[in-house]
Each structure stands twice: as structure tokens, then as C-alpha cells.
């Protein structure tokens, strides 16, 4: 194949295809012409690849064919309506349908944490298996309260947001294995129980709950949701159901989990802002806890009310449908 002669013969068609591909609105005649030029360019690309695969010409024709295909089929466009539907139906429905999982995780984790915390509070010597006397003294007198004001609030909120997002992403990503999720829940419960038990044993329960509850209600709920959804992926592998293969069950549950992950990003941001700006503020403890409780109840109401409404309307949380 004489590439120079081939290019000279068809260059006008390719340029015309390029111009038509850039137009947003085409007449019926131009649309027919676009389709014909696209088909011819695809044929030219196939011929060049098979007979004389010049890299530069192949790249040019590949771009033209892709542009022509995009102009013919039409690319997906961003629409605010889709964003609105995601937050009013997609995310709350995905979280609502997984509520037995994350509510079960929440109940089990709270009971475990409460038991460990009360044990450490009534058996202070047990804390020495994890902390030295000096560390416990610093925790009670400076470290626990100082943690929330160690950095500037904007920087601290971003640090907390990214850290929590990473932990929750691990809960979702490792859900199919089940054991890593249980380990993360255990680690979080143990750390919270040690800090709480030491604070309670020293008579500083007002400080502990006054600093944990404003942001902890929402933050821990996000973790429970992610852990429950992650475990649901693992269970889909173990018990896919009679009408689904294991691969299909995991794929469908995983797609739903991605909706939950995306929806929790702004919720985690709210939690981080509470932890950075409300928790260490000079507001009375009752007001700080009230703000945190209001955000927590708003999230639960949002998920349960809109999720149930979306389920009754027949929406599907599977991102593939």
C-alpha cells in the first residue's frame, strides 16, 4: 500500500468527518453523511492496520473513528437531575435495603464496646495491659481532650475526613473476606473501650461523653453502615440464593455497596466538621451533644424515610439496572 497516495486520496473525507464530529447539531443530511464517513474511516483503519500499520496514521484514524462513533451514539452528559435522583433515591435505597446488616453490626458493636468499657472502668488494672501509668495519666488529664484542638479546625476536619473515608473504604473493599471487617470493628471497639474505661475509672465520664457524642453518633453510624454493607457482600458469596450465581450475587451487591460508599462521602464530611468545629468548641455540653444528635437523627431519617419511599416506588438500587 502506498501510504502517501492513500492519505492524499482520503484526506478530504477524514477532515470532513472530523468537522462533522465536532458539530453539536446536525441536519438530517449531515447526520447521514457522518454515518457514511464514519463507516468508511473504520474500513480505512482496518485496511491500514492489516496492510501497512503506520503508527501515526493508525493513531489519526483511531481518533477519527472514536470521535465519529461518539458523535453518532451520543455520549452521556452530566445532568443535575441524575445527582438529585442519586441522593433522593439511589443512595438512601441502597442503605435502607442493607439496614438489617448495619443495624445488627451496630447493636453487636455497641454491646461489645459497652461491656469492655465497663470492665476496664471497674477493673482499672486491666488497662495496664494496653497502657502504662504515665500514658493513662496523660490520657485523662491532657491527651484525650487535647486531641480535638491539636490542629487548626479546617486542617483537622480534612484530616479526619480522609482518615475516616479510608477506614470505611477498607470495610467495604474487604467485605467479601468478612474477617478483615470483623477485625476493624474489633480494633475500633477496643480502642474506644480502653479510652472510655480509663476516663470513667478516673471520674471523667463527663469529658469523655461530652467529646465523643457530638461527632461520634454520626461517625460510628457511618462505620456501622459500611461494615454491614461490606459483610453483606461476603454473605452474597456464601449464600447467593437459588436464582443467582456467586459471581452475579457478589457483583450486584458490590455495585450497591459503591452507591453507599459515594453517598457516605458528604456524610463523613459533616461528621468531620462536627468533630473539628463543634466537639472542641466552648458551647455547653448539652448544646454540642444536641447538635450531634440532630445531625445523626437527620441522617437516619433521611435513609429510612427516603429509602423506604424509593423501595415502595419500585426503584432499583442495583447500579447496573
C-alpha atoms as a PDB file:
ATOM      1  CA  UNK A   1       0.000   0.000   0.000  1.00  0.00           C
ATOM      2  CA  UNK A   2       1.278   3.447  -0.978  1.00  0.00           C
ATOM      3  CA  UNK A   3       0.501   5.398   2.189  1.00  0.00           C
ATOM      4  CA  UNK A   4       1.146   8.807   0.643  1.00  0.00           C
ATOM      5  CA  UNK A   5      -1.295   8.145  -2.181  1.00  0.00           C
ATOM      6  CA  UNK A   6      -3.802   6.627   0.254  1.00  0.00           C
ATOM      7  CA  UNK A   7      -3.695   9.681   2.514  1.00  0.00           C
ATOM      8  CA  UNK A   8      -3.919  12.075  -0.407  1.00  0.00           C
ATOM      9  CA  UNK A   9      -6.969  10.240  -1.744  1.00  0.00           C
ATOM     10  CA  UNK A  10      -8.937  10.132   1.514  1.00  0.00           C
ATOM     11  CA  UNK A  11      -7.644  13.128   3.475  1.00  0.00           C
ATOM     12  CA  UNK A  12     -10.615  15.261   2.434  1.00  0.00           C
ATOM     13  CA  UNK A  13     -13.073  12.657   3.746  1.00  0.00           C
ATOM     14  CA  UNK A  14     -11.237  12.430   7.051  1.00  0.00           C
ATOM     15  CA  UNK A  15     -11.205  16.179   7.514  1.00  0.00           C
ATOM     16  CA  UNK A  16     -14.887  16.322   6.763  1.00  0.00           C
ATOM     17  CA  UNK A  17     -15.553  13.557   9.313  1.00  0.00           C
ATOM     18  CA  UNK A  18     -13.551  15.480  11.890  1.00  0.00           C
ATOM     19  CA  UNK A  19     -15.585  18.652  11.297  1.00  0.00           C
ATOM     20  CA  UNK A  20     -18.926  16.864  11.435  1.00  0.00           C
ATOM     21  CA  UNK A  21     -17.916  15.048  14.632  1.00  0.00           C
ATOM     22  CA  UNK A  22     -17.419  18.378  16.364  1.00  0.00           C
ATOM     23  CA  UNK A  23     -20.854  19.768  15.486  1.00  0.00           C
ATOM     24  CA  UNK A  24     -23.437  19.552  18.228  1.00  0.00           C
ATOM     25  CA  UNK A  25     -26.410  19.882  15.929  1.00  0.00           C
ATOM     26  CA  UNK A  26     -26.532  18.241  12.525  1.00  0.00           C
ATOM     27  CA  UNK A  27     -29.171  18.307   9.845  1.00  0.00           C
ATOM     28  CA  UNK A  28     -30.592  15.025   8.595  1.00  0.00           C
ATOM     29  CA  UNK A  29     -28.326  15.181   5.540  1.00  0.00           C
ATOM     30  CA  UNK A  30     -25.244  15.883   7.627  1.00  0.00           C
ATOM     31  CA  UNK A  31     -26.113  13.060  10.009  1.00  0.00           C
ATOM     32  CA  UNK A  32     -26.341  10.609   7.093  1.00  0.00           C
ATOM     33  CA  UNK A  33     -23.048  11.902   5.791  1.00  0.00           C
ATOM     34  CA  UNK A  34     -21.455  11.490   9.213  1.00  0.00           C
ATOM     35  CA  UNK A  35     -22.523   7.851   9.416  1.00  0.00           C
ATOM     36  CA  UNK A  36     -21.202   7.116   5.911  1.00  0.00           C
ATOM     37  CA  UNK A  37     -17.869   8.821   6.594  1.00  0.00           C
ATOM     38  CA  UNK A  38     -17.535   7.023   9.923  1.00  0.00           C
ATOM     39  CA  UNK A  39     -18.064   3.648   8.282  1.00  0.00           C
ATOM     40  CA  UNK A  40     -15.540   4.445   5.556  1.00  0.00           C
ATOM     41  CA  UNK A  41     -12.978   5.684   8.072  1.00  0.00           C
ATOM     42  CA  UNK A  42     -13.411   2.466  10.079  1.00  0.00           C
ATOM     43  CA  UNK A  43     -12.762   0.497   6.876  1.00  0.00           C
ATOM     44  CA  UNK A  44      -9.692   2.609   6.146  1.00  0.00           C
ATOM     45  CA  UNK A  45      -8.375   1.999   9.658  1.00  0.00           C
ATOM     46  CA  UNK A  46      -8.810  -1.751   9.275  1.00  0.00           C
ATOM     47  CA  UNK A  47      -7.019  -1.702   5.910  1.00  0.00           C
ATOM     48  CA  UNK A  48      -4.091   0.326   7.202  1.00  0.00           C
ATOM     49  CA  UNK A  49      -3.688  -1.908  10.252  1.00  0.00           C
ATOM     50  CA  UNK A  50      -3.644  -5.079   8.182  1.00  0.00           C
ATOM     51  CA  UNK A  51      -1.528  -3.917   5.217  1.00  0.00           C
ATOM     52  CA  UNK A  52       0.782  -1.134   6.363  1.00  0.00           C
ATOM     53  CA  UNK A  53       0.404  -0.308  10.057  1.00  0.00           C
ATOM     54  CA  UNK A  54       1.971   3.135  10.155  1.00  0.00           C
ATOM     55  CA  UNK A  55       1.724   4.285  13.832  1.00  0.00           C
ATOM     56  CA  UNK A  56       0.989   7.911  13.030  1.00  0.00           C
ATOM     57  CA  UNK A  57      -1.752   7.140  10.516  1.00  0.00           C
ATOM     58  CA  UNK A  58      -3.266   4.443  12.727  1.00  0.00           C
ATOM     59  CA  UNK A  59      -3.414   6.891  15.634  1.00  0.00           C
ATOM     60  CA  UNK A  60      -5.049   9.567  13.479  1.00  0.00           C
ATOM     61  CA  UNK A  61      -7.665   7.220  12.082  1.00  0.00           C
ATOM     62  CA  UNK A  62      -8.343   5.730  15.517  1.00  0.00           C
ATOM     63  CA  UNK A  63      -9.082   9.201  16.896  1.00  0.00           C
ATOM     64  CA  UNK A  64     -11.362   9.957  13.958  1.00  0.00           C
ATOM     65  CA  UNK A  65     -13.275   6.698  14.339  1.00  0.00           C
ATOM     66  CA  UNK A  66     -13.721   7.213  18.082  1.00  0.00           C
ATOM     67  CA  UNK A  67     -14.860  10.800  17.559  1.00  0.00           C
ATOM     68  CA  UNK A  68     -17.287   9.726  14.847  1.00  0.00           C
ATOM     69  CA  UNK A  69     -18.696   6.934  16.993  1.00  0.00           C
ATOM     70  CA  UNK A  70     -19.156   9.334  19.885  1.00  0.00           C
ATOM     71  CA  UNK A  71     -20.959  11.839  17.669  1.00  0.00           C
ATOM     72  CA  UNK A  72     -23.268   9.131  16.304  1.00  0.00           C
ATOM     73  CA  UNK A  73     -24.116   7.316  19.516  1.00  0.00           C
ATOM     74  CA  UNK A  74     -24.029  10.394  21.710  1.00  0.00           C
ATOM     75  CA  UNK A  75     -22.003  10.488  24.910  1.00  0.00           C
ATOM     76  CA  UNK A  76     -23.563  10.592  28.331  1.00  0.00           C
ATOM     77  CA  UNK A  77     -23.942  14.112  29.620  1.00  0.00           C
ATOM     78  CA  UNK A  78     -23.854  15.347  33.130  1.00  0.00           C
ATOM     79  CA  UNK A  79     -27.300  16.186  34.436  1.00  0.00           C
ATOM     80  CA  UNK A  80     -28.134  17.623  37.827  1.00  0.00           C
ATOM     81  CA  UNK A  81     -31.300  15.541  37.745  1.00  0.00           C
ATOM     82  CA  UNK A  82     -29.164  12.403  37.982  1.00  0.00           C
ATOM     83  CA  UNK A  83     -27.367  13.801  41.019  1.00  0.00           C
ATOM     84  CA  UNK A  84     -30.688  14.619  42.626  1.00  0.00           C
ATOM     85  CA  UNK A  85     -32.027  11.157  41.910  1.00  0.00           C
ATOM     86  CA  UNK A  86     -28.925   9.586  43.421  1.00  0.00           C
ATOM     87  CA  UNK A  87     -29.359  11.455  46.708  1.00  0.00           C
ATOM     88  CA  UNK A  88     -33.146  11.118  46.853  1.00  0.00           C
ATOM     89  CA  UNK A  89     -33.452   7.503  45.718  1.00  0.00           C
ATOM     90  CA  UNK A  90     -30.257   5.652  44.822  1.00  0.00           C
ATOM     91  CA  UNK A  91     -28.171   6.092  47.964  1.00  0.00           C
ATOM     92  CA  UNK A  92     -30.953   6.023  50.576  1.00  0.00           C
ATOM     93  CA  UNK A  93     -32.468   2.933  48.918  1.00  0.00           C
ATOM     94  CA  UNK A  94     -29.132   1.096  48.910  1.00  0.00           C
ATOM     95  CA  UNK A  95     -28.564   1.929  52.577  1.00  0.00           C
ATOM     96  CA  UNK A  96     -32.176   1.170  53.506  1.00  0.00           C
ATOM     97  CA  UNK A  97     -32.110  -2.301  51.984  1.00  0.00           C
ATOM     98  CA  UNK A  98     -28.959  -3.113  53.944  1.00  0.00           C
ATOM     99  CA  UNK A  99     -30.347  -1.832  57.257  1.00  0.00           C
ATOM    100  CA  UNK A 100     -30.705  -5.292  58.875  1.00  0.00           C
ATOM    101  CA  UNK A 101     -26.985  -5.756  58.349  1.00  0.00           C
ATOM    102  CA  UNK A 102     -25.737  -2.429  59.647  1.00  0.00           C
ATOM    103  CA  UNK A 103     -28.242  -2.241  62.491  1.00  0.00           C
ATOM    104  CA  UNK A 104     -27.091  -5.711  63.562  1.00  0.00           C
ATOM    105  CA  UNK A 105     -23.476  -4.613  63.334  1.00  0.00           C
ATOM    106  CA  UNK A 106     -24.311  -1.504  65.375  1.00  0.00           C
ATOM    107  CA  UNK A 107     -26.074  -3.482  68.119  1.00  0.00           C
ATOM    108  CA  UNK A 108     -23.301  -6.069  68.404  1.00  0.00           C
ATOM    109  CA  UNK A 109     -20.521  -3.471  68.371  1.00  0.00           C
ATOM    110  CA  UNK A 110     -22.199  -1.220  70.937  1.00  0.00           C
ATOM    111  CA  UNK A 111     -22.811  -4.138  73.270  1.00  0.00           C
ATOM    112  CA  UNK A 112     -19.220  -5.320  72.930  1.00  0.00           C
ATOM    113  CA  UNK A 113     -17.792  -1.830  73.429  1.00  0.00           C
ATOM    114  CA  UNK A 114     -20.038  -1.196  76.414  1.00  0.00           C
ATOM    115  CA  UNK A 115     -19.030  -4.453  78.048  1.00  0.00           C
ATOM    116  CA  UNK A 116     -15.308  -3.837  77.536  1.00  0.00           C
ATOM    117  CA  UNK A 117     -15.585  -0.236  78.702  1.00  0.00           C
ATOM    118  CA  UNK A 118     -17.443  -1.147  81.865  1.00  0.00           C
ATOM    119  CA  UNK A 119     -14.979  -3.953  82.596  1.00  0.00           C
ATOM    120  CA  UNK A 120     -11.988  -1.649  82.268  1.00  0.00           C
ATOM    121  CA  UNK A 121     -13.726   1.042  84.322  1.00  0.00           C
ATOM    122  CA  UNK A 122     -14.437  -1.389  87.173  1.00  0.00           C
ATOM    123  CA  UNK A 123     -11.124  -3.238  86.820  1.00  0.00           C
ATOM    124  CA  UNK A 124      -8.600  -0.430  86.249  1.00  0.00           C
ATOM    125  CA  UNK A 125      -5.704  -2.868  86.406  1.00  0.00           C
ATOM    126  CA  UNK A 126      -6.851  -4.413  83.123  1.00  0.00           C
ATOM    127  CA  UNK A 127      -5.970  -1.195  81.314  1.00  0.00           C
ATOM    128  CA  UNK A 128      -2.322  -1.748  82.215  1.00  0.00           C
ATOM    129  CA  UNK A 129      -2.223  -4.499  79.592  1.00  0.00           C
ATOM    130  CA  UNK A 130      -2.515  -1.750  76.986  1.00  0.00           C
ATOM    131  CA  UNK A 131      -1.252   1.471  78.597  1.00  0.00           C
ATOM    132  CA  UNK A 132       1.392   2.438  81.107  1.00  0.00           C
ATOM    133  CA  UNK A 133       0.554   4.514  84.170  1.00  0.00           C
ATOM    134  CA  UNK A 134       2.120   7.546  82.516  1.00  0.00           C
ATOM    135  CA  UNK A 135       0.085   7.066  79.343  1.00  0.00           C
ATOM    136  CA  UNK A 136      -3.135   6.704  81.323  1.00  0.00           C
ATOM    137  CA  UNK A 137      -2.354   9.850  83.291  1.00  0.00           C
ATOM    138  CA  UNK A 138      -1.725  11.826  80.097  1.00  0.00           C
ATOM    139  CA  UNK A 139      -4.878  10.416  78.518  1.00  0.00           C
ATOM    140  CA  UNK A 140      -7.054  11.535  81.431  1.00  0.00           C
ATOM    141  CA  UNK A 141      -5.503  14.952  82.027  1.00  0.00           C
ATOM    142  CA  UNK A 142      -4.379  16.210  78.609  1.00  0.00           C
ATOM    143  CA  UNK A 143      -4.326  13.863  75.627  1.00  0.00           C
ATOM    144  CA  UNK A 144      -7.992  12.944  75.267  1.00  0.00           C
ATOM    145  CA  UNK A 145      -9.322  16.491  75.310  1.00  0.00           C
ATOM    146  CA  UNK A 146      -6.244  17.921  73.609  1.00  0.00           C
ATOM    147  CA  UNK A 147      -6.615  15.663  70.593  1.00  0.00           C
ATOM    148  CA  UNK A 148      -9.585  17.678  69.328  1.00  0.00           C
ATOM    149  CA  UNK A 149      -7.800  21.036  69.490  1.00  0.00           C
ATOM    150  CA  UNK A 150      -4.285  19.974  68.496  1.00  0.00           C
ATOM    151  CA  UNK A 151      -4.666  21.271  64.928  1.00  0.00           C
ATOM    152  CA  UNK A 152      -6.463  24.177  63.305  1.00  0.00           C
ATOM    153  CA  UNK A 153     -10.087  23.244  62.768  1.00  0.00           C
ATOM    154  CA  UNK A 154     -10.052  23.321  58.911  1.00  0.00           C
ATOM    155  CA  UNK A 155      -6.921  21.159  58.784  1.00  0.00           C
ATOM    156  CA  UNK A 156      -8.254  18.818  61.449  1.00  0.00           C
ATOM    157  CA  UNK A 157     -11.576  18.360  59.649  1.00  0.00           C
ATOM    158  CA  UNK A 158      -9.797  17.429  56.413  1.00  0.00           C
ATOM    159  CA  UNK A 159      -7.514  15.019  58.281  1.00  0.00           C
ATOM    160  CA  UNK A 160     -10.457  13.327  60.000  1.00  0.00           C
ATOM    161  CA  UNK A 161     -12.497  13.208  56.788  1.00  0.00           C
ATOM    162  CA  UNK A 162      -9.785  11.487  54.761  1.00  0.00           C
ATOM    163  CA  UNK A 163      -8.868   9.099  57.586  1.00  0.00           C
ATOM    164  CA  UNK A 164     -12.452   8.017  58.176  1.00  0.00           C
ATOM    165  CA  UNK A 165     -13.051   7.656  54.446  1.00  0.00           C
ATOM    166  CA  UNK A 166     -10.022   5.368  54.212  1.00  0.00           C
ATOM    167  CA  UNK A 167     -11.148   3.193  57.122  1.00  0.00           C
ATOM    168  CA  UNK A 168     -14.650   2.872  55.748  1.00  0.00           C
ATOM    169  CA  UNK A 169     -13.327   2.131  52.264  1.00  0.00           C
ATOM    170  CA  UNK A 170     -11.368  -0.759  53.757  1.00  0.00           C
ATOM    171  CA  UNK A 171     -14.562  -2.061  55.371  1.00  0.00           C
ATOM    172  CA  UNK A 172     -16.271  -2.137  52.014  1.00  0.00           C
ATOM    173  CA  UNK A 173     -13.336  -3.395  49.968  1.00  0.00           C
ATOM    174  CA  UNK A 174     -12.536  -6.253  52.347  1.00  0.00           C
ATOM    175  CA  UNK A 175     -16.157  -7.203  52.981  1.00  0.00           C
ATOM    176  CA  UNK A 176     -16.061 -10.227  50.703  1.00  0.00           C
ATOM    177  CA  UNK A 177     -13.412 -11.719  53.031  1.00  0.00           C
ATOM    178  CA  UNK A 178     -15.523 -10.974  56.164  1.00  0.00           C
ATOM    179  CA  UNK A 179     -12.608 -11.426  58.631  1.00  0.00           C
ATOM    180  CA  UNK A 180     -10.940  -8.030  57.899  1.00  0.00           C
ATOM    181  CA  UNK A 181     -14.232  -6.225  58.581  1.00  0.00           C
ATOM    182  CA  UNK A 182     -14.647  -8.019  61.896  1.00  0.00           C
ATOM    183  CA  UNK A 183     -11.057  -7.135  62.797  1.00  0.00           C
ATOM    184  CA  UNK A 184     -11.598  -3.428  62.016  1.00  0.00           C
ATOM    185  CA  UNK A 185     -14.740  -3.408  64.150  1.00  0.00           C
ATOM    186  CA  UNK A 186     -12.912  -5.156  66.985  1.00  0.00           C
ATOM    187  CA  UNK A 187      -9.983  -2.737  66.804  1.00  0.00           C
ATOM    188  CA  UNK A 188     -12.290   0.279  66.868  1.00  0.00           C
ATOM    189  CA  UNK A 189     -14.307  -1.135  69.779  1.00  0.00           C
ATOM    190  CA  UNK A 190     -11.197  -1.973  71.791  1.00  0.00           C
ATOM    191  CA  UNK A 191      -9.617   1.459  71.308  1.00  0.00           C
ATOM    192  CA  UNK A 192     -12.844   3.217  72.261  1.00  0.00           C
ATOM    193  CA  UNK A 193     -13.358   0.922  75.253  1.00  0.00           C
ATOM    194  CA  UNK A 194      -9.816   1.483  76.568  1.00  0.00           C
ATOM    195  CA  UNK A 195     -10.100   5.262  76.331  1.00  0.00           C
ATOM    196  CA  UNK A 196     -13.598   5.273  77.796  1.00  0.00           C
ATOM    197  CA  UNK A 197     -12.793   2.799  80.534  1.00  0.00           C
ATOM    198  CA  UNK A 198      -9.763   4.769  81.700  1.00  0.00           C
ATOM    199  CA  UNK A 199     -11.705   8.031  81.640  1.00  0.00           C
ATOM    200  CA  UNK A 200     -14.639   6.515  83.541  1.00  0.00           C
ATOM    201  CA  UNK A 201     -12.348   4.930  86.128  1.00  0.00           C
ATOM    202  CA  UNK A 202     -10.872   8.397  86.800  1.00  0.00           C
ATOM    203  CA  UNK A 203     -14.268  10.043  87.160  1.00  0.00           C
ATOM    204  CA  UNK A 204     -14.006  11.923  83.844  1.00  0.00           C
ATOM    205  CA  UNK A 205     -17.055  10.439  82.171  1.00  0.00           C
ATOM    206  CA  UNK A 206     -18.418  13.946  81.573  1.00  0.00           C
ATOM    207  CA  UNK A 207     -15.358  14.814  79.498  1.00  0.00           C
ATOM    208  CA  UNK A 208     -15.409  11.503  77.640  1.00  0.00           C
ATOM    209  CA  UNK A 209     -19.053  11.510  76.587  1.00  0.00           C
ATOM    210  CA  UNK A 210     -19.086  15.277  76.121  1.00  0.00           C
ATOM    211  CA  UNK A 211     -16.355  14.975  73.500  1.00  0.00           C
ATOM    212  CA  UNK A 212     -17.320  11.665  71.884  1.00  0.00           C
ATOM    213  CA  UNK A 213     -21.056  12.083  71.372  1.00  0.00           C
ATOM    214  CA  UNK A 214     -21.201  15.323  69.309  1.00  0.00           C
ATOM    215  CA  UNK A 215     -19.472  13.699  66.339  1.00  0.00           C
ATOM    216  CA  UNK A 216     -19.341  10.034  67.361  1.00  0.00           C
ATOM    217  CA  UNK A 217     -23.022   9.314  66.818  1.00  0.00           C
ATOM    218  CA  UNK A 218     -22.802  10.120  63.111  1.00  0.00           C
ATOM    219  CA  UNK A 219     -19.242   8.894  62.605  1.00  0.00           C
ATOM    220  CA  UNK A 220     -19.845   5.492  64.176  1.00  0.00           C
ATOM    221  CA  UNK A 221     -23.129   5.091  62.300  1.00  0.00           C
ATOM    222  CA  UNK A 222     -21.254   5.609  59.027  1.00  0.00           C
ATOM    223  CA  UNK A 223     -18.813   2.926  60.084  1.00  0.00           C
ATOM    224  CA  UNK A 224     -21.629   0.540  61.002  1.00  0.00           C
ATOM    225  CA  UNK A 225     -23.293   1.128  57.625  1.00  0.00           C
ATOM    226  CA  UNK A 226     -20.062   0.423  55.736  1.00  0.00           C
ATOM    227  CA  UNK A 227     -19.266  -2.643  57.828  1.00  0.00           C
ATOM    228  CA  UNK A 228     -22.785  -4.007  57.381  1.00  0.00           C
ATOM    229  CA  UNK A 229     -22.732  -3.436  53.631  1.00  0.00           C
ATOM    230  CA  UNK A 230     -19.262  -4.983  53.440  1.00  0.00           C
ATOM    231  CA  UNK A 231     -20.384  -8.089  55.329  1.00  0.00           C
ATOM    232  CA  UNK A 232     -23.397  -8.273  53.032  1.00  0.00           C
ATOM    233  CA  UNK A 233     -21.001  -8.650  50.093  1.00  0.00           C
ATOM    234  CA  UNK A 234     -19.289 -11.530  51.867  1.00  0.00           C
ATOM    235  CA  UNK A 235     -22.609 -13.195  52.624  1.00  0.00           C
ATOM    236  CA  UNK A 236     -23.627 -12.860  48.957  1.00  0.00           C
ATOM    237  CA  UNK A 237     -20.632 -15.052  48.154  1.00  0.00           C
ATOM    238  CA  UNK A 238     -21.523 -17.603  50.828  1.00  0.00           C
ATOM    239  CA  UNK A 239     -25.269 -17.719  50.148  1.00  0.00           C
ATOM    240  CA  UNK A 240     -26.002 -16.216  46.701  1.00  0.00           C
ATOM    241  CA  UNK A 241     -29.527 -17.573  46.526  1.00  0.00           C
ATOM    242  CA  UNK A 242     -31.131 -20.116  44.259  1.00  0.00           C
ATOM    243  CA  UNK A 243     -31.600 -17.761  41.298  1.00  0.00           C
ATOM    244  CA  UNK A 244     -28.097 -16.226  41.204  1.00  0.00           C
ATOM    245  CA  UNK A 245     -24.570 -17.479  40.695  1.00  0.00           C
ATOM    246  CA  UNK A 246     -21.950 -16.461  43.248  1.00  0.00           C
ATOM    247  CA  UNK A 247     -20.279 -14.137  40.781  1.00  0.00           C
ATOM    248  CA  UNK A 248     -23.524 -12.392  39.900  1.00  0.00           C
ATOM    249  CA  UNK A 249     -24.536 -12.098  43.553  1.00  0.00           C
ATOM    250  CA  UNK A 250     -21.215 -10.535  44.544  1.00  0.00           C
ATOM    251  CA  UNK A 251     -21.276  -8.205  41.523  1.00  0.00           C
ATOM    252  CA  UNK A 252     -24.788  -6.952  42.262  1.00  0.00           C
ATOM    253  CA  UNK A 253     -24.111  -6.485  45.971  1.00  0.00           C
ATOM    254  CA  UNK A 254     -20.797  -4.810  45.204  1.00  0.00           C
ATOM    255  CA  UNK A 255     -22.424  -2.321  42.853  1.00  0.00           C
ATOM    256  CA  UNK A 256     -24.926  -1.441  45.566  1.00  0.00           C
ATOM    257  CA  UNK A 257     -22.034  -1.038  48.007  1.00  0.00           C
ATOM    258  CA  UNK A 258     -20.455   1.511  45.671  1.00  0.00           C
ATOM    259  CA  UNK A 259     -23.625   3.589  45.862  1.00  0.00           C
ATOM    260  CA  UNK A 260     -23.378   3.516  49.644  1.00  0.00           C
ATOM    261  CA  UNK A 261     -19.701   4.487  49.526  1.00  0.00           C
ATOM    262  CA  UNK A 262     -20.396   7.501  47.309  1.00  0.00           C
ATOM    263  CA  UNK A 263     -23.362   8.585  49.387  1.00  0.00           C
ATOM    264  CA  UNK A 264     -21.413   8.450  52.641  1.00  0.00           C
ATOM    265  CA  UNK A 265     -18.696  10.819  51.401  1.00  0.00           C
ATOM    266  CA  UNK A 266     -20.685  14.001  52.228  1.00  0.00           C
ATOM    267  CA  UNK A 267     -21.978  12.406  55.438  1.00  0.00           C
ATOM    268  CA  UNK A 268     -18.404  11.783  56.560  1.00  0.00           C
ATOM    269  CA  UNK A 269     -17.625  15.392  55.742  1.00  0.00           C
ATOM    270  CA  UNK A 270     -20.432  16.531  58.042  1.00  0.00           C
ATOM    271  CA  UNK A 271     -19.074  14.246  60.765  1.00  0.00           C
ATOM    272  CA  UNK A 272     -15.572  15.662  60.306  1.00  0.00           C
ATOM    273  CA  UNK A 273     -16.867  19.227  60.518  1.00  0.00           C
ATOM    274  CA  UNK A 274     -18.684  18.371  63.730  1.00  0.00           C
ATOM    275  CA  UNK A 275     -15.531  16.847  65.190  1.00  0.00           C
ATOM    276  CA  UNK A 276     -13.382  19.816  64.225  1.00  0.00           C
ATOM    277  CA  UNK A 277     -15.709  22.734  64.937  1.00  0.00           C
ATOM    278  CA  UNK A 278     -18.402  21.556  67.380  1.00  0.00           C
ATOM    279  CA  UNK A 279     -16.716  18.945  69.594  1.00  0.00           C
ATOM    280  CA  UNK A 280     -13.891  21.207  70.906  1.00  0.00           C
ATOM    281  CA  UNK A 281     -15.983  24.402  70.929  1.00  0.00           C
ATOM    282  CA  UNK A 282     -16.831  26.400  74.035  1.00  0.00           C
ATOM    283  CA  UNK A 283     -20.541  25.660  73.667  1.00  0.00           C
ATOM    284  CA  UNK A 284     -22.249  23.966  76.615  1.00  0.00           C
ATOM    285  CA  UNK A 285     -22.019  20.206  76.543  1.00  0.00           C
ATOM    286  CA  UNK A 286     -25.760  19.760  76.152  1.00  0.00           C
ATOM    287  CA  UNK A 287     -25.813  22.002  73.067  1.00  0.00           C
ATOM    288  CA  UNK A 288     -22.822  20.258  71.476  1.00  0.00           C
ATOM    289  CA  UNK A 289     -24.398  16.854  72.025  1.00  0.00           C
ATOM    290  CA  UNK A 290     -27.727  18.187  70.790  1.00  0.00           C
ATOM    291  CA  UNK A 291     -26.152  19.361  67.532  1.00  0.00           C
ATOM    292  CA  UNK A 292     -24.529  15.975  67.019  1.00  0.00           C
ATOM    293  CA  UNK A 293     -27.749  14.132  67.876  1.00  0.00           C
ATOM    294  CA  UNK A 294     -29.711  16.313  65.439  1.00  0.00           C
ATOM    295  CA  UNK A 295     -27.278  15.511  62.612  1.00  0.00           C
ATOM    296  CA  UNK A 296     -27.430  11.805  63.485  1.00  0.00           C
ATOM    297  CA  UNK A 297     -31.237  11.701  63.587  1.00  0.00           C
ATOM    298  CA  UNK A 298     -31.402  13.661  60.337  1.00  0.00           C
ATOM    299  CA  UNK A 299     -29.210  11.062  58.644  1.00  0.00           C
ATOM    300  CA  UNK A 300     -31.244   8.138  59.980  1.00  0.00           C
ATOM    301  CA  UNK A 301     -34.497   9.802  58.953  1.00  0.00           C
ATOM    302  CA  UNK A 302     -33.098  10.594  55.523  1.00  0.00           C
ATOM    303  CA  UNK A 303     -32.023   6.991  54.892  1.00  0.00           C
ATOM    304  CA  UNK A 304     -35.063   5.276  56.359  1.00  0.00           C
ATOM    305  CA  UNK A 305     -37.771   7.606  55.048  1.00  0.00           C
ATOM    306  CA  UNK A 306     -36.425   8.255  51.548  1.00  0.00           C
ATOM    307  CA  UNK A 307     -35.121   4.705  51.245  1.00  0.00           C
ATOM    308  CA  UNK A 308     -38.484   3.213  52.112  1.00  0.00           C
ATOM    309  CA  UNK A 309     -40.219   5.618  49.762  1.00  0.00           C
ATOM    310  CA  UNK A 310     -37.871   4.642  46.923  1.00  0.00           C
ATOM    311  CA  UNK A 311     -38.452   0.942  47.633  1.00  0.00           C
ATOM    312  CA  UNK A 312     -42.229   1.425  47.548  1.00  0.00           C
ATOM    313  CA  UNK A 313     -41.889   3.345  44.256  1.00  0.00           C
ATOM    314  CA  UNK A 314     -40.122   0.365  42.707  1.00  0.00           C
ATOM    315  CA  UNK A 315     -36.676   1.903  42.276  1.00  0.00           C
ATOM    316  CA  UNK A 316     -33.718  -0.479  41.983  1.00  0.00           C
ATOM    317  CA  UNK A 317     -30.525   0.122  43.946  1.00  0.00           C
ATOM    318  CA  UNK A 318     -28.506  -2.063  41.569  1.00  0.00           C
ATOM    319  CA  UNK A 319     -26.273   0.329  39.641  1.00  0.00           C
ATOM    320  CA  UNK A 320     -26.428  -1.976  36.672  1.00  0.00           C
ATOM    321  CA  UNK A 321     -30.126  -1.546  36.062  1.00  0.00           C
END
